[in-house]
């Protein structure tokens, strides 16, 4: 039962992550650039 539940959860999470690929655009690039340029720590 635990294995089946774990597989179900992972399938749901994988589908959610896959759906995010459609949302990666120039805003994502800008955010990555801003994080990259930050000095120090980001919380």
PDB file of N, CA and C in Angstrom:
ATOM      1  N   UNK A   1       0.820  -1.189   0.000  1.00  0.00           N
ATOM      2  CA  UNK A   1       0.000   0.000   0.000  1.00  0.00           C
ATOM      3  C   UNK A   1       0.869   1.259   0.000  1.00  0.00           C
ATOM      4  N   UNK A   2       1.929   1.279   0.761  1.00  0.00           N
ATOM      5  CA  UNK A   2       2.799   2.456   0.815  1.00  0.00           C
ATOM      6  C   UNK A   2       3.455   2.682  -0.539  1.00  0.00           C
ATOM      7  N   UNK A   3       3.897   1.630  -1.177  1.00  0.00           N
ATOM      8  CA  UNK A   3       4.558   1.765  -2.473  1.00  0.00           C
ATOM      9  C   UNK A   3       3.586   2.326  -3.510  1.00  0.00           C
ATOM     10  N   UNK A   4       2.367   1.821  -3.521  1.00  0.00           N
ATOM     11  CA  UNK A   4       1.370   2.314  -4.471  1.00  0.00           C
ATOM     12  C   UNK A   4       1.068   3.786  -4.228  1.00  0.00           C
ATOM     13  N   UNK A   5       0.944   4.176  -2.974  1.00  0.00           N
ATOM     14  CA  UNK A   5       0.668   5.572  -2.638  1.00  0.00           C
ATOM     15  C   UNK A   5       1.837   6.462  -3.058  1.00  0.00           C
ATOM     16  N   UNK A   6       3.061   6.011  -2.813  1.00  0.00           N
ATOM     17  CA  UNK A   6       4.246   6.776  -3.203  1.00  0.00           C
ATOM     18  C   UNK A   6       4.286   6.955  -4.720  1.00  0.00           C
ATOM     19  N   UNK A   7       3.970   5.905  -5.458  1.00  0.00           N
ATOM     20  CA  UNK A   7       3.957   5.996  -6.923  1.00  0.00           C
ATOM     21  C   UNK A   7       2.880   6.967  -7.400  1.00  0.00           C
ATOM     22  N   UNK A   8       1.729   6.947  -6.752  1.00  0.00           N
ATOM     23  CA  UNK A   8       0.640   7.854  -7.111  1.00  0.00           C
ATOM     24  C   UNK A   8       1.060   9.307  -6.887  1.00  0.00           C
ATOM     25  N   UNK A   9       1.667   9.566  -5.735  1.00  0.00           N
ATOM     26  CA  UNK A   9       2.121  10.921  -5.413  1.00  0.00           C
ATOM     27  C   UNK A   9       3.178  11.381  -6.411  1.00  0.00           C
ATOM     28  N   UNK A  10       4.134  10.528  -6.713  1.00  0.00           N
ATOM     29  CA  UNK A  10       5.184  10.895  -7.661  1.00  0.00           C
ATOM     30  C   UNK A  10       4.620  11.152  -9.053  1.00  0.00           C
ATOM     31  N   UNK A  11       3.618  10.382  -9.472  1.00  0.00           N
ATOM     32  CA  UNK A  11       3.000  10.607 -10.774  1.00  0.00           C
ATOM     33  C   UNK A  11       2.311  11.969 -10.800  1.00  0.00           C
ATOM     34  N   UNK A  12       1.593  12.305  -9.740  1.00  0.00           N
ATOM     35  CA  UNK A  12       0.920  13.605  -9.653  1.00  0.00           C
ATOM     36  C   UNK A  12       1.947  14.732  -9.704  1.00  0.00           C
ATOM     37  N   UNK A  13       3.011  14.602  -8.942  1.00  0.00           N
ATOM     38  CA  UNK A  13       4.045  15.637  -8.915  1.00  0.00           C
ATOM     39  C   UNK A  13       4.739  15.762 -10.276  1.00  0.00           C
ATOM     40  N   UNK A  14       5.005  14.645 -10.925  1.00  0.00           N
ATOM     41  CA  UNK A  14       5.652  14.671 -12.241  1.00  0.00           C
ATOM     42  C   UNK A  14       4.766  15.385 -13.260  1.00  0.00           C
ATOM     43  N   UNK A  15       3.468  15.135 -13.210  1.00  0.00           N
ATOM     44  CA  UNK A  15       2.549  15.804 -14.135  1.00  0.00           C
ATOM     45  C   UNK A  15       2.517  17.308 -13.872  1.00  0.00           C
ATOM     46  N   UNK A  16       2.556  17.687 -12.602  1.00  0.00           N
ATOM     47  CA  UNK A  16       2.541  19.111 -12.256  1.00  0.00           C
ATOM     48  C   UNK A  16       3.816  19.794 -12.752  1.00  0.00           C
ATOM     49  N   UNK A  17       4.950  19.155 -12.580  1.00  0.00           N
ATOM     50  CA  UNK A  17       6.215  19.719 -13.048  1.00  0.00           C
ATOM     51  C   UNK A  17       6.218  19.805 -14.569  1.00  0.00           C
ATOM     52  N   UNK A  18       5.720  18.782 -15.227  1.00  0.00           N
ATOM     53  CA  UNK A  18       5.665  18.791 -16.684  1.00  0.00           C
ATOM     54  C   UNK A  18       4.803  19.950 -17.191  1.00  0.00           C
ATOM     55  N   UNK A  19       3.729  20.234 -16.510  1.00  0.00           N
ATOM     56  CA  UNK A  19       2.844  21.333 -16.906  1.00  0.00           C
ATOM     57  C   UNK A  19       3.542  22.690 -16.789  1.00  0.00           C
ATOM     58  N   UNK A  20       4.521  22.785 -15.922  1.00  0.00           N
ATOM     59  CA  UNK A  20       5.235  24.054 -15.739  1.00  0.00           C
ATOM     60  C   UNK A  20       6.081  24.436 -16.948  1.00  0.00           C
ATOM     61  N   UNK A  21       6.432  23.481 -17.770  1.00  0.00           N
ATOM     62  CA  UNK A  21       7.281  23.800 -18.925  1.00  0.00           C
ATOM     63  C   UNK A  21       6.617  24.816 -19.842  1.00  0.00           C
ATOM     64  N   UNK A  22       5.294  24.828 -19.874  1.00  0.00           N
ATOM     65  CA  UNK A  22       4.574  25.782 -20.715  1.00  0.00           C
ATOM     66  C   UNK A  22       4.659  27.206 -20.170  1.00  0.00           C
ATOM     67  N   UNK A  23       5.018  27.354 -18.903  1.00  0.00           N
ATOM     68  CA  UNK A  23       5.036  28.664 -18.267  1.00  0.00           C
ATOM     69  C   UNK A  23       6.416  29.314 -18.245  1.00  0.00           C
ATOM     70  N   UNK A  24       7.426  28.607 -18.728  1.00  0.00           N
ATOM     71  CA  UNK A  24       8.772  29.177 -18.753  1.00  0.00           C
ATOM     72  C   UNK A  24       8.863  30.120 -19.947  1.00  0.00           C
ATOM     73  N   UNK A  25       9.141  31.408 -19.646  1.00  0.00           N
ATOM     74  CA  UNK A  25       9.209  32.422 -20.683  1.00  0.00           C
ATOM     75  C   UNK A  25      10.272  33.447 -20.304  1.00  0.00           C
ATOM     76  N   UNK A  26      10.204  34.620 -20.894  1.00  0.00           N
ATOM     77  CA  UNK A  26      11.204  35.656 -20.614  1.00  0.00           C
ATOM     78  C   UNK A  26      11.169  36.124 -19.163  1.00  0.00           C
ATOM     79  N   UNK A  27      10.027  36.053 -18.514  1.00  0.00           N
ATOM     80  CA  UNK A  27       9.955  36.410 -17.098  1.00  0.00           C
ATOM     81  C   UNK A  27      10.838  35.487 -16.263  1.00  0.00           C
ATOM     82  N   UNK A  28      10.869  34.221 -16.626  1.00  0.00           N
ATOM     83  CA  UNK A  28      11.727  33.248 -15.941  1.00  0.00           C
ATOM     84  C   UNK A  28      13.194  33.619 -16.131  1.00  0.00           C
ATOM     85  N   UNK A  29      13.551  33.982 -17.356  1.00  0.00           N
ATOM     86  CA  UNK A  29      14.933  34.366 -17.652  1.00  0.00           C
ATOM     87  C   UNK A  29      15.320  35.590 -16.825  1.00  0.00           C
ATOM     88  N   UNK A  30      14.430  36.570 -16.745  1.00  0.00           N
ATOM     89  CA  UNK A  30      14.702  37.767 -15.957  1.00  0.00           C
ATOM     90  C   UNK A  30      14.905  37.424 -14.482  1.00  0.00           C
ATOM     91  N   UNK A  31      14.065  36.534 -13.964  1.00  0.00           N
ATOM     92  CA  UNK A  31      14.186  36.133 -12.563  1.00  0.00           C
ATOM     93  C   UNK A  31      15.512  35.428 -12.305  1.00  0.00           C
ATOM     94  N   UNK A  32      15.896  34.545 -13.208  1.00  0.00           N
ATOM     95  CA  UNK A  32      17.180  33.842 -13.070  1.00  0.00           C
ATOM     96  C   UNK A  32      18.331  34.838 -13.107  1.00  0.00           C
ATOM     97  N   UNK A  33      18.260  35.786 -14.022  1.00  0.00           N
ATOM     98  CA  UNK A  33      19.314  36.808 -14.116  1.00  0.00           C
ATOM     99  C   UNK A  33      19.413  37.618 -12.826  1.00  0.00           C
ATOM    100  N   UNK A  34      18.269  38.006 -12.272  1.00  0.00           N
ATOM    101  CA  UNK A  34      18.286  38.774 -11.028  1.00  0.00           C
ATOM    102  C   UNK A  34      18.891  37.985  -9.873  1.00  0.00           C
ATOM    103  N   UNK A  35      18.540  36.718  -9.789  1.00  0.00           N
ATOM    104  CA  UNK A  35      19.099  35.871  -8.725  1.00  0.00           C
ATOM    105  C   UNK A  35      20.606  35.728  -8.930  1.00  0.00           C
ATOM    106  N   UNK A  36      21.021  35.527 -10.140  1.00  0.00           N
ATOM    107  CA  UNK A  36      22.433  35.352 -10.449  1.00  0.00           C
ATOM    108  C   UNK A  36      23.244  36.584 -10.087  1.00  0.00           C
ATOM    109  N   UNK A  37      22.663  37.750 -10.290  1.00  0.00           N
ATOM    110  CA  UNK A  37      23.380  39.002 -10.033  1.00  0.00           C
ATOM    111  C   UNK A  37      23.384  39.424  -8.564  1.00  0.00           C
ATOM    112  N   UNK A  38      22.603  38.765  -7.740  1.00  0.00           N
ATOM    113  CA  UNK A  38      22.534  39.143  -6.315  1.00  0.00           C
ATOM    114  C   UNK A  38      23.842  38.824  -5.610  1.00  0.00           C
ATOM    115  N   UNK A  39      24.233  39.734  -4.753  1.00  0.00           N
ATOM    116  CA  UNK A  39      25.395  39.502  -3.906  1.00  0.00           C
ATOM    117  C   UNK A  39      24.894  39.037  -2.539  1.00  0.00           C
ATOM    118  N   UNK A  40      25.545  38.109  -1.965  1.00  0.00           N
ATOM    119  CA  UNK A  40      25.124  37.617  -0.648  1.00  0.00           C
ATOM    120  C   UNK A  40      24.110  36.488  -0.759  1.00  0.00           C
ATOM    121  N   UNK A  41      23.295  36.382   0.274  1.00  0.00           N
ATOM    122  CA  UNK A  41      22.341  35.279   0.362  1.00  0.00           C
ATOM    123  C   UNK A  41      20.939  35.721  -0.022  1.00  0.00           C
ATOM    124  N   UNK A  42      20.182  34.789  -0.570  1.00  0.00           N
ATOM    125  CA  UNK A  42      18.783  35.032  -0.899  1.00  0.00           C
ATOM    126  C   UNK A  42      17.952  34.140   0.007  1.00  0.00           C
ATOM    127  N   UNK A  43      16.997  34.752   0.665  1.00  0.00           N
ATOM    128  CA  UNK A  43      16.158  33.978   1.585  1.00  0.00           C
ATOM    129  C   UNK A  43      14.763  33.878   1.011  1.00  0.00           C
TER     130      UNK A  43
END
